[in-house]
Amino acid sequence: MTSFQTPDELQGMLMRIAKHSPTNQKIALYLEKNYLQVIFMTASELADAMGVSQGSVSRFFMMLGYRGYNDFLRSLQRLVSKQLTGPERLQYSSSSHKGNHHEVSQVRSILDVELGNLNSLEQIMQGEDYEAMVSMVTASHPLILLSARMSATLLPYAAYILHKMRADVSVVVPGTDEWGTLELLDPAHTNVIAVAFPRYSQTLIQKCRALKKGGFSLCALTDSRLSPMVDIAAHTVCVPVTTASLFDIYSTPLAFLNLMLRDAAGRMPQLGARIEAIEAMERRDRVYFTK
C-alpha cells in the first residue's frame, strides 16, 4: 500500500493522482490546503465540502492505493497528530458537527479508523523491537516506566498489571522524586520503557536524551517512525493512535500493552506461584466484593 511520512510526500502523491481528471484535481487541491481539518471529517462531509460525489472521493483514495477513505485517514492522522494544537483540534472538530446524522456518521468513521488501528497490532507485535520490549519486561533488572503529560496516563494501567507479574517496577513522571535522580541508577542493570505519543513532551524527550547519554538503553512505545524517540531509543515499537477529537484516542496503545504483557507473562515460568500468592493475600484481606 502507498503511504507517506511527510507533508511533501503527501503533496507528491496527491499531485500525481490530480492529473487523471478535473474531479481528482479538485479533490487533491482541497486535501493539500485543508489536510489538517480533514482528519475530523467523514467521507460524506468531505464530498459535500468539495462539491463532488462520495463515490468520486472513494475512487480517488483507491487510486492512491488505499482501500478507501478511512484507510487513508489512518495514515493522515499519523502525519498531522503532532502538528495540531489544542485550539486547532477544538476548532476543526467542532466545525465538523452539523446535526445528528453527521454526528452519527462521524462516530462511525472514528470507530472504523480505530478498528483499523487495532487490526494492525498483530503485525506490530513482531520483530526485533517488539521482542526487546518483551525481554525488558521479563528480565530480572528493575523496570522503569517513563512518560509525561497525556502519554503518562497509560502508565498506571501497565504498572498495575506488571506489579502482579514481577517486582521492581516503577512509574516515573515529571514531578516525582525519582525523575530527578534517574541518571544516578546503574544503566547496565536498569531497564527503561519510555512512552511518548503526540504531542511529544519536550521534558520527556530531554530526559530520554540525558539517559541515552548516560549509557541507558531505552525501549520506546510511540506512534510513528517520525517520532523523536526513534533517534533516542535502542528499540522502538510504533502503535497508532486515533486523532479524531480534542484529545487522541488511546484504546489501541492500551490494547497493545495488554497483549504485550500477556505475551510476557507466558514467558515467565515462575509467574504462577506469584499469582497464587497474590490471590491468597487478596482473599485474606477481602479485597474484592462478595455477597
C-alpha atoms as a PDB file:
ATOM      1  CA  MET A   1       0.000   0.000   0.000  1.00  0.00           C
ATOM      2  CA  THR A   2       1.162   3.546  -0.795  1.00  0.00           C
ATOM      3  CA  SER A   3       1.989   5.667   2.233  1.00  0.00           C
ATOM      4  CA  PHE A   4       3.536   8.991   3.185  1.00  0.00           C
ATOM      5  CA  GLN A   5       5.632  10.229   6.081  1.00  0.00           C
ATOM      6  CA  THR A   6       5.814  13.991   5.434  1.00  0.00           C
ATOM      7  CA  PRO A   7       3.557  16.746   4.004  1.00  0.00           C
ATOM      8  CA  ASP A   8       5.814  16.897   0.936  1.00  0.00           C
ATOM      9  CA  GLU A   9       5.340  13.174   0.282  1.00  0.00           C
ATOM     10  CA  LEU A  10       1.571  13.591   0.689  1.00  0.00           C
ATOM     11  CA  GLN A  11       1.588  16.505  -1.745  1.00  0.00           C
ATOM     12  CA  GLY A  12       3.543  14.466  -4.291  1.00  0.00           C
ATOM     13  CA  MET A  13       1.035  11.604  -4.087  1.00  0.00           C
ATOM     14  CA  LEU A  14      -1.917  13.966  -4.476  1.00  0.00           C
ATOM     15  CA  MET A  15      -0.466  15.771  -7.465  1.00  0.00           C
ATOM     16  CA  ARG A  16       0.227  12.513  -9.298  1.00  0.00           C
ATOM     17  CA  ILE A  17      -3.413  11.473  -8.998  1.00  0.00           C
ATOM     18  CA  ALA A  18      -4.680  15.010  -9.729  1.00  0.00           C
ATOM     19  CA  LYS A  19      -3.534  14.718 -13.336  1.00  0.00           C
ATOM     20  CA  HIS A  20      -6.042  11.961 -14.090  1.00  0.00           C
ATOM     21  CA  SER A  21      -9.213  14.086 -14.177  1.00  0.00           C
ATOM     22  CA  PRO A  22     -10.663  17.502 -13.233  1.00  0.00           C
ATOM     23  CA  THR A  23     -12.511  15.865 -10.301  1.00  0.00           C
ATOM     24  CA  ASN A  24      -9.292  14.330  -8.998  1.00  0.00           C
ATOM     25  CA  GLN A  25      -7.590  17.696  -9.318  1.00  0.00           C
ATOM     26  CA  LYS A  26     -10.366  19.311  -7.287  1.00  0.00           C
ATOM     27  CA  ILE A  27     -10.064  16.708  -4.532  1.00  0.00           C
ATOM     28  CA  ALA A  28      -6.259  16.853  -4.481  1.00  0.00           C
ATOM     29  CA  LEU A  29      -6.162  20.653  -4.212  1.00  0.00           C
ATOM     30  CA  TYR A  30      -8.692  20.623  -1.368  1.00  0.00           C
ATOM     31  CA  LEU A  31      -6.734  17.999   0.542  1.00  0.00           C
ATOM     32  CA  GLU A  32      -3.467  19.851   0.021  1.00  0.00           C
ATOM     33  CA  LYS A  33      -4.880  23.072   1.505  1.00  0.00           C
ATOM     34  CA  ASN A  34      -7.066  21.581   4.236  1.00  0.00           C
ATOM     35  CA  TYR A  35      -5.425  18.317   5.329  1.00  0.00           C
ATOM     36  CA  LEU A  36      -5.251  19.375   8.982  1.00  0.00           C
ATOM     37  CA  GLN A  37      -9.024  19.626   9.349  1.00  0.00           C
ATOM     38  CA  VAL A  38      -9.782  16.707   7.016  1.00  0.00           C
ATOM     39  CA  ILE A  39      -8.944  14.230   9.803  1.00  0.00           C
ATOM     40  CA  PHE A  40     -12.114  15.363  11.595  1.00  0.00           C
ATOM     41  CA  MET A  41     -14.347  14.855   8.519  1.00  0.00           C
ATOM     42  CA  THR A  42     -16.295  11.858   7.287  1.00  0.00           C
ATOM     43  CA  ALA A  43     -16.233  10.822   3.639  1.00  0.00           C
ATOM     44  CA  SER A  44     -19.668  12.379   3.074  1.00  0.00           C
ATOM     45  CA  GLU A  45     -18.622  15.640   4.757  1.00  0.00           C
ATOM     46  CA  LEU A  46     -15.503  15.745   2.607  1.00  0.00           C
ATOM     47  CA  ALA A  47     -17.554  15.157  -0.544  1.00  0.00           C
ATOM     48  CA  ASP A  48     -20.049  17.892   0.439  1.00  0.00           C
ATOM     49  CA  ALA A  49     -17.236  20.360   1.170  1.00  0.00           C
ATOM     50  CA  MET A  50     -15.726  19.814  -2.279  1.00  0.00           C
ATOM     51  CA  GLY A  51     -18.969  19.544  -4.233  1.00  0.00           C
ATOM     52  CA  VAL A  52     -18.212  16.064  -5.592  1.00  0.00           C
ATOM     53  CA  SER A  53     -19.886  12.688  -5.134  1.00  0.00           C
ATOM     54  CA  GLN A  54     -18.912  10.335  -2.307  1.00  0.00           C
ATOM     55  CA  GLY A  55     -18.142   7.763  -4.994  1.00  0.00           C
ATOM     56  CA  SER A  56     -15.580  10.134  -6.506  1.00  0.00           C
ATOM     57  CA  VAL A  57     -13.968  10.509  -3.081  1.00  0.00           C
ATOM     58  CA  SER A  58     -13.769   6.735  -2.623  1.00  0.00           C
ATOM     59  CA  ARG A  59     -12.324   6.191  -6.104  1.00  0.00           C
ATOM     60  CA  PHE A  60      -9.718   8.910  -5.505  1.00  0.00           C
ATOM     61  CA  PHE A  61      -8.325   7.199  -2.414  1.00  0.00           C
ATOM     62  CA  MET A  62      -8.401   3.791  -4.056  1.00  0.00           C
ATOM     63  CA  MET A  63      -6.297   5.278  -6.875  1.00  0.00           C
ATOM     64  CA  LEU A  64      -3.848   6.393  -4.175  1.00  0.00           C
ATOM     65  CA  GLY A  65      -3.506   2.743  -3.164  1.00  0.00           C
ATOM     66  CA  TYR A  66      -5.833   2.675  -0.151  1.00  0.00           C
ATOM     67  CA  ARG A  67      -8.872   0.501   0.493  1.00  0.00           C
ATOM     68  CA  GLY A  68     -10.943   3.657   0.919  1.00  0.00           C
ATOM     69  CA  TYR A  69     -11.196   6.965   2.732  1.00  0.00           C
ATOM     70  CA  ASN A  70     -10.919   5.598   6.287  1.00  0.00           C
ATOM     71  CA  ASP A  71      -7.804   3.652   5.341  1.00  0.00           C
ATOM     72  CA  PHE A  72      -6.224   6.871   4.059  1.00  0.00           C
ATOM     73  CA  LEU A  73      -7.413   8.684   7.185  1.00  0.00           C
ATOM     74  CA  ARG A  74      -5.302   6.445   9.417  1.00  0.00           C
ATOM     75  CA  SER A  75      -2.136   7.491   7.574  1.00  0.00           C
ATOM     76  CA  LEU A  76      -3.158  11.144   7.593  1.00  0.00           C
ATOM     77  CA  GLN A  77      -3.795  11.083  11.343  1.00  0.00           C
ATOM     78  CA  ARG A  78      -0.316   9.707  11.988  1.00  0.00           C
ATOM     79  CA  LEU A  79       1.114  12.618   9.995  1.00  0.00           C
ATOM     80  CA  VAL A  80      -0.835  15.521  11.487  1.00  0.00           C
ATOM     81  CA  SER A  81      -1.461  14.475  15.097  1.00  0.00           C
ATOM     82  CA  LYS A  82       1.793  16.030  16.265  1.00  0.00           C
ATOM     83  CA  GLN A  83       1.141  19.279  14.357  1.00  0.00           C
ATOM     84  CA  LEU A  84      -2.314  20.135  15.689  1.00  0.00           C
ATOM     85  CA  THR A  85      -2.559  22.488  18.656  1.00  0.00           C
ATOM     86  CA  GLY A  86      -5.339  22.246  21.223  1.00  0.00           C
ATOM     87  CA  PRO A  87      -7.235  25.270  19.818  1.00  0.00           C
ATOM     88  CA  GLU A  88      -6.990  23.838  16.277  1.00  0.00           C
ATOM     89  CA  ARG A  89      -8.346  20.479  17.434  1.00  0.00           C
ATOM     90  CA  LEU A  90     -11.284  22.189  19.123  1.00  0.00           C
ATOM     91  CA  GLN A  91     -11.969  24.418  16.113  1.00  0.00           C
ATOM     92  CA  TYR A  92     -11.832  21.691  13.476  1.00  0.00           C
ATOM     93  CA  SER A  93     -13.666  19.025  15.462  1.00  0.00           C
ATOM     94  CA  SER A  94     -16.428  21.471  16.463  1.00  0.00           C
ATOM     95  CA  SER A  95     -16.900  22.825  12.942  1.00  0.00           C
ATOM     96  CA  SER A  96     -17.440  19.309  11.578  1.00  0.00           C
ATOM     97  CA  HIS A  97     -20.525  18.709  13.783  1.00  0.00           C
ATOM     98  CA  LYS A  98     -23.569  19.519  11.650  1.00  0.00           C
ATOM     99  CA  GLY A  99     -26.544  17.740  13.180  1.00  0.00           C
ATOM    100  CA  ASN A 100     -27.374  14.269  14.422  1.00  0.00           C
ATOM    101  CA  HIS A 101     -26.874  12.492  11.099  1.00  0.00           C
ATOM    102  CA  HIS A 102     -23.407  13.943  10.640  1.00  0.00           C
ATOM    103  CA  GLU A 103     -22.561  13.217  14.280  1.00  0.00           C
ATOM    104  CA  VAL A 104     -23.509   9.546  13.898  1.00  0.00           C
ATOM    105  CA  SER A 105     -21.598   9.337  10.620  1.00  0.00           C
ATOM    106  CA  GLN A 106     -18.502  10.863  12.196  1.00  0.00           C
ATOM    107  CA  VAL A 107     -18.615   8.467  15.151  1.00  0.00           C
ATOM    108  CA  ARG A 108     -18.844   5.555  12.697  1.00  0.00           C
ATOM    109  CA  SER A 109     -15.839   6.926  10.807  1.00  0.00           C
ATOM    110  CA  ILE A 110     -13.827   7.278  14.028  1.00  0.00           C
ATOM    111  CA  LEU A 111     -14.684   3.717  15.052  1.00  0.00           C
ATOM    112  CA  ASP A 112     -13.711   2.396  11.615  1.00  0.00           C
ATOM    113  CA  VAL A 113     -10.307   4.086  11.883  1.00  0.00           C
ATOM    114  CA  GLU A 114      -9.836   2.724  15.391  1.00  0.00           C
ATOM    115  CA  LEU A 115     -10.748  -0.785  14.264  1.00  0.00           C
ATOM    116  CA  GLY A 116      -8.130  -0.475  11.537  1.00  0.00           C
ATOM    117  CA  ASN A 117      -5.561   0.538  14.142  1.00  0.00           C
ATOM    118  CA  LEU A 118      -6.476  -2.415  16.346  1.00  0.00           C
ATOM    119  CA  ASN A 119      -6.194  -4.780  13.399  1.00  0.00           C
ATOM    120  CA  SER A 120      -2.640  -3.561  12.806  1.00  0.00           C
ATOM    121  CA  LEU A 121      -1.478  -4.853  16.203  1.00  0.00           C
ATOM    122  CA  GLU A 122      -0.854  -8.392  15.008  1.00  0.00           C
ATOM    123  CA  GLN A 123       1.813  -7.167  12.598  1.00  0.00           C
ATOM    124  CA  ILE A 124       3.212  -4.664  15.115  1.00  0.00           C
ATOM    125  CA  MET A 125       3.752  -7.425  17.679  1.00  0.00           C
ATOM    126  CA  GLN A 126       6.541  -8.991  15.672  1.00  0.00           C
ATOM    127  CA  GLY A 127      10.193  -8.308  15.036  1.00  0.00           C
ATOM    128  CA  GLU A 128      13.307  -7.372  16.956  1.00  0.00           C
ATOM    129  CA  ASP A 129      11.975  -4.195  18.584  1.00  0.00           C
ATOM    130  CA  TYR A 130       8.898  -5.902  19.972  1.00  0.00           C
ATOM    131  CA  GLU A 131      10.989  -8.812  21.294  1.00  0.00           C
ATOM    132  CA  ALA A 132      13.318  -6.339  23.007  1.00  0.00           C
ATOM    133  CA  MET A 133      10.372  -4.768  24.823  1.00  0.00           C
ATOM    134  CA  VAL A 134       9.076  -8.150  25.989  1.00  0.00           C
ATOM    135  CA  SER A 135      12.592  -9.070  27.137  1.00  0.00           C
ATOM    136  CA  MET A 136      12.758  -5.903  29.247  1.00  0.00           C
ATOM    137  CA  VAL A 137       9.506  -6.874  30.943  1.00  0.00           C
ATOM    138  CA  THR A 138      10.617 -10.432  31.697  1.00  0.00           C
ATOM    139  CA  ALA A 139      14.191  -9.581  32.769  1.00  0.00           C
ATOM    140  CA  SER A 140      15.202  -9.528  36.429  1.00  0.00           C
ATOM    141  CA  HIS A 141      16.538  -5.952  36.289  1.00  0.00           C
ATOM    142  CA  PRO A 142      14.440  -3.130  37.793  1.00  0.00           C
ATOM    143  CA  LEU A 143      11.977  -1.779  35.235  1.00  0.00           C
ATOM    144  CA  ILE A 144      11.259   1.941  34.861  1.00  0.00           C
ATOM    145  CA  LEU A 145       8.109   3.110  33.049  1.00  0.00           C
ATOM    146  CA  LEU A 146       8.850   6.647  31.907  1.00  0.00           C
ATOM    147  CA  SER A 147       6.490   9.219  30.400  1.00  0.00           C
ATOM    148  CA  ALA A 148       4.943  12.683  30.697  1.00  0.00           C
ATOM    149  CA  ARG A 149       1.702  14.575  30.136  1.00  0.00           C
ATOM    150  CA  MET A 150      -1.159  12.703  28.401  1.00  0.00           C
ATOM    151  CA  SER A 151       1.066   9.793  27.366  1.00  0.00           C
ATOM    152  CA  ALA A 152       1.692   9.138  31.060  1.00  0.00           C
ATOM    153  CA  THR A 153      -1.972   8.203  31.559  1.00  0.00           C
ATOM    154  CA  LEU A 154      -1.096   4.809  30.078  1.00  0.00           C
ATOM    155  CA  LEU A 155       1.463   4.016  32.774  1.00  0.00           C
ATOM    156  CA  PRO A 156      -0.806   3.241  35.770  1.00  0.00           C
ATOM    157  CA  TYR A 157      -2.643   0.612  33.709  1.00  0.00           C
ATOM    158  CA  ALA A 158       0.604  -1.069  32.630  1.00  0.00           C
ATOM    159  CA  ALA A 159       2.099  -0.762  36.120  1.00  0.00           C
ATOM    160  CA  TYR A 160      -0.942  -2.361  37.786  1.00  0.00           C
ATOM    161  CA  ILE A 161      -0.562  -5.455  35.613  1.00  0.00           C
ATOM    162  CA  LEU A 162       3.229  -5.514  35.953  1.00  0.00           C
ATOM    163  CA  HIS A 163       3.096  -5.383  39.753  1.00  0.00           C
ATOM    164  CA  LYS A 164       1.063  -8.589  39.619  1.00  0.00           C
ATOM    165  CA  MET A 165       3.692 -10.167  37.365  1.00  0.00           C
ATOM    166  CA  ARG A 166       7.003  -9.109  38.880  1.00  0.00           C
ATOM    167  CA  ALA A 167       8.902  -6.999  41.424  1.00  0.00           C
ATOM    168  CA  ASP A 168      10.930  -3.790  40.934  1.00  0.00           C
ATOM    169  CA  VAL A 169       8.556  -1.831  38.677  1.00  0.00           C
ATOM    170  CA  SER A 170       8.486   1.967  38.986  1.00  0.00           C
ATOM    171  CA  VAL A 171       6.398   4.653  37.291  1.00  0.00           C
ATOM    172  CA  VAL A 172       8.456   7.817  36.797  1.00  0.00           C
ATOM    173  CA  VAL A 173       6.930  11.062  35.524  1.00  0.00           C
ATOM    174  CA  PRO A 174       7.909  14.734  35.927  1.00  0.00           C
ATOM    175  CA  GLY A 175       7.395  15.922  39.487  1.00  0.00           C
ATOM    176  CA  THR A 176       8.184  12.594  41.158  1.00  0.00           C
ATOM    177  CA  ASP A 177      11.271  12.206  43.324  1.00  0.00           C
ATOM    178  CA  GLU A 178      12.673   9.554  41.006  1.00  0.00           C
ATOM    179  CA  TRP A 179      12.557  11.864  37.969  1.00  0.00           C
ATOM    180  CA  GLY A 180      15.484  13.960  39.167  1.00  0.00           C
ATOM    181  CA  THR A 181      17.695  11.008  40.104  1.00  0.00           C
ATOM    182  CA  LEU A 182      17.171   8.578  37.239  1.00  0.00           C
ATOM    183  CA  GLU A 183      20.615   9.244  35.795  1.00  0.00           C
ATOM    184  CA  LEU A 184      22.186   8.022  39.070  1.00  0.00           C
ATOM    185  CA  LEU A 185      20.919   4.479  38.523  1.00  0.00           C
ATOM    186  CA  ASP A 186      23.162   1.792  37.054  1.00  0.00           C
ATOM    187  CA  PRO A 187      22.432   1.761  33.286  1.00  0.00           C
ATOM    188  CA  ALA A 188      23.750  -1.795  32.987  1.00  0.00           C
ATOM    189  CA  HIS A 189      21.180  -3.079  35.477  1.00  0.00           C
ATOM    190  CA  THR A 190      18.146  -0.851  34.797  1.00  0.00           C
ATOM    191  CA  ASN A 191      15.600  -1.270  32.015  1.00  0.00           C
ATOM    192  CA  VAL A 192      13.630   1.751  30.803  1.00  0.00           C
ATOM    193  CA  ILE A 193      10.478   1.740  28.681  1.00  0.00           C
ATOM    194  CA  ALA A 194       9.526   5.267  27.595  1.00  0.00           C
ATOM    195  CA  VAL A 195       6.020   6.055  26.334  1.00  0.00           C
ATOM    196  CA  ALA A 196       5.705   9.099  24.063  1.00  0.00           C
ATOM    197  CA  PHE A 197       2.711   9.948  21.896  1.00  0.00           C
ATOM    198  CA  PRO A 198       1.883  13.279  20.183  1.00  0.00           C
ATOM    199  CA  ARG A 199       2.104  15.989  21.132  1.00  0.00           C
ATOM    200  CA  TYR A 200       5.524  14.896  22.340  1.00  0.00           C
ATOM    201  CA  SER A 201       6.584  16.318  25.702  1.00  0.00           C
ATOM    202  CA  GLN A 202       9.799  18.319  25.423  1.00  0.00           C
ATOM    203  CA  THR A 203      10.571  17.493  29.066  1.00  0.00           C
ATOM    204  CA  LEU A 204      10.300  13.769  28.354  1.00  0.00           C
ATOM    205  CA  ILE A 205      12.434  13.958  25.204  1.00  0.00           C
ATOM    206  CA  GLN A 206      15.166  15.839  27.066  1.00  0.00           C
ATOM    207  CA  LYS A 207      15.130  13.280  29.890  1.00  0.00           C
ATOM    208  CA  CYS A 208      15.386  10.387  27.429  1.00  0.00           C
ATOM    209  CA  ARG A 209      18.311  12.054  25.668  1.00  0.00           C
ATOM    210  CA  ALA A 210      20.060  12.516  29.020  1.00  0.00           C
ATOM    211  CA  LEU A 211      19.522   8.855  29.841  1.00  0.00           C
ATOM    212  CA  LYS A 212      20.902   7.775  26.479  1.00  0.00           C
ATOM    213  CA  LYS A 213      23.944   9.974  27.021  1.00  0.00           C
ATOM    214  CA  GLY A 214      24.359   8.323  30.433  1.00  0.00           C
ATOM    215  CA  GLY A 215      24.546   4.867  28.884  1.00  0.00           C
ATOM    216  CA  PHE A 216      20.961   3.688  29.324  1.00  0.00           C
ATOM    217  CA  SER A 217      19.442   1.533  26.585  1.00  0.00           C
ATOM    218  CA  LEU A 218      15.823   2.637  26.215  1.00  0.00           C
ATOM    219  CA  CYS A 219      12.875   0.884  24.626  1.00  0.00           C
ATOM    220  CA  ALA A 220      10.214   3.287  23.336  1.00  0.00           C
ATOM    221  CA  LEU A 221       6.493   2.945  22.745  1.00  0.00           C
ATOM    222  CA  THR A 222       5.446   5.699  20.352  1.00  0.00           C
ATOM    223  CA  ASP A 223       3.249   6.296  17.310  1.00  0.00           C
ATOM    224  CA  SER A 224       5.433   6.536  14.189  1.00  0.00           C
ATOM    225  CA  ARG A 225       8.914   6.328  12.722  1.00  0.00           C
ATOM    226  CA  LEU A 226       8.914  10.152  12.656  1.00  0.00           C
ATOM    227  CA  SER A 227       8.699  10.315  16.449  1.00  0.00           C
ATOM    228  CA  PRO A 228      11.723  11.949  18.133  1.00  0.00           C
ATOM    229  CA  MET A 229      12.014   8.794  20.237  1.00  0.00           C
ATOM    230  CA  VAL A 230      13.217   6.810  17.220  1.00  0.00           C
ATOM    231  CA  ASP A 231      16.623   8.534  17.289  1.00  0.00           C
ATOM    232  CA  ILE A 232      16.932   8.122  21.064  1.00  0.00           C
ATOM    233  CA  ALA A 233      15.739   4.619  21.862  1.00  0.00           C
ATOM    234  CA  ALA A 234      17.675   1.459  21.083  1.00  0.00           C
ATOM    235  CA  HIS A 235      14.363  -0.198  20.187  1.00  0.00           C
ATOM    236  CA  THR A 236      11.102   1.445  19.117  1.00  0.00           C
ATOM    237  CA  VAL A 237       7.635  -0.066  18.819  1.00  0.00           C
ATOM    238  CA  CYS A 238       5.175   2.116  16.875  1.00  0.00           C
ATOM    239  CA  VAL A 239       1.492   1.829  17.767  1.00  0.00           C
ATOM    240  CA  PRO A 240      -1.037   4.199  16.121  1.00  0.00           C
ATOM    241  CA  VAL A 241      -3.407   6.483  17.989  1.00  0.00           C
ATOM    242  CA  THR A 242      -6.613   7.909  16.541  1.00  0.00           C
ATOM    243  CA  THR A 243      -6.753  11.686  16.217  1.00  0.00           C
ATOM    244  CA  ALA A 244     -10.436  12.406  15.836  1.00  0.00           C
ATOM    245  CA  SER A 245     -11.404  14.902  18.520  1.00  0.00           C
ATOM    246  CA  LEU A 246      -9.951  17.366  21.012  1.00  0.00           C
ATOM    247  CA  PHE A 247      -7.943  14.519  22.562  1.00  0.00           C
ATOM    248  CA  ASP A 248      -6.368  11.461  20.959  1.00  0.00           C
ATOM    249  CA  ILE A 249      -7.956   8.045  21.481  1.00  0.00           C
ATOM    250  CA  TYR A 250      -5.591   5.651  23.289  1.00  0.00           C
ATOM    251  CA  SER A 251      -7.551   2.402  23.007  1.00  0.00           C
ATOM    252  CA  THR A 252      -5.050   0.851  20.567  1.00  0.00           C
ATOM    253  CA  PRO A 253      -1.991   1.539  22.780  1.00  0.00           C
ATOM    254  CA  LEU A 254      -3.940   0.170  25.759  1.00  0.00           C
ATOM    255  CA  ALA A 255      -4.806  -2.970  23.817  1.00  0.00           C
ATOM    256  CA  PHE A 256      -1.165  -3.293  22.775  1.00  0.00           C
ATOM    257  CA  LEU A 257       0.031  -3.048  26.378  1.00  0.00           C
ATOM    258  CA  ASN A 258      -2.435  -5.710  27.469  1.00  0.00           C
ATOM    259  CA  LEU A 259      -1.438  -8.088  24.679  1.00  0.00           C
ATOM    260  CA  MET A 260       2.277  -7.433  25.089  1.00  0.00           C
ATOM    261  CA  LEU A 261       2.110  -8.081  28.844  1.00  0.00           C
ATOM    262  CA  ARG A 262       0.073 -11.221  28.198  1.00  0.00           C
ATOM    263  CA  ASP A 263       2.846 -12.368  25.870  1.00  0.00           C
ATOM    264  CA  ALA A 264       5.473 -11.563  28.501  1.00  0.00           C
ATOM    265  CA  ALA A 265       3.509 -13.440  31.192  1.00  0.00           C
ATOM    266  CA  GLY A 266       3.599 -16.557  29.059  1.00  0.00           C
ATOM    267  CA  ARG A 267       7.400 -16.414  29.119  1.00  0.00           C
ATOM    268  CA  MET A 268       7.701 -16.189  32.937  1.00  0.00           C
ATOM    269  CA  PRO A 269       7.696 -19.773  34.305  1.00  0.00           C
ATOM    270  CA  GLN A 270       7.553 -18.697  37.954  1.00  0.00           C
ATOM    271  CA  LEU A 271       4.570 -16.391  37.465  1.00  0.00           C
ATOM    272  CA  GLY A 272       2.004 -18.981  38.554  1.00  0.00           C
ATOM    273  CA  ALA A 273       3.342 -19.133  42.102  1.00  0.00           C
ATOM    274  CA  ARG A 274       3.379 -15.326  42.357  1.00  0.00           C
ATOM    275  CA  ILE A 275      -0.208 -15.022  41.125  1.00  0.00           C
ATOM    276  CA  GLU A 276      -1.339 -17.702  43.603  1.00  0.00           C
ATOM    277  CA  ALA A 277       0.377 -15.848  46.459  1.00  0.00           C
ATOM    278  CA  ILE A 278      -1.249 -12.550  45.468  1.00  0.00           C
ATOM    279  CA  GLU A 279      -4.644 -14.224  45.221  1.00  0.00           C
ATOM    280  CA  ALA A 280      -4.238 -15.728  48.690  1.00  0.00           C
ATOM    281  CA  MET A 281      -3.388 -12.315  50.181  1.00  0.00           C
ATOM    282  CA  GLU A 282      -6.336 -10.685  48.446  1.00  0.00           C
ATOM    283  CA  ARG A 283      -8.708 -13.359  49.787  1.00  0.00           C
ATOM    284  CA  ARG A 284      -7.266 -12.867  53.270  1.00  0.00           C
ATOM    285  CA  ASP A 285      -7.717  -9.107  53.073  1.00  0.00           C
ATOM    286  CA  ARG A 286     -11.140  -9.381  51.396  1.00  0.00           C
ATOM    287  CA  VAL A 287     -10.034  -7.144  48.572  1.00  0.00           C
ATOM    288  CA  TYR A 288     -12.952  -7.917  46.258  1.00  0.00           C
ATOM    289  CA  PHE A 289     -16.639  -7.555  46.987  1.00  0.00           C
ATOM    290  CA  THR A 290     -18.631 -10.723  47.675  1.00  0.00           C
ATOM    291  CA  LYS A 291     -22.238 -11.113  48.808  1.00  0.00           C
END
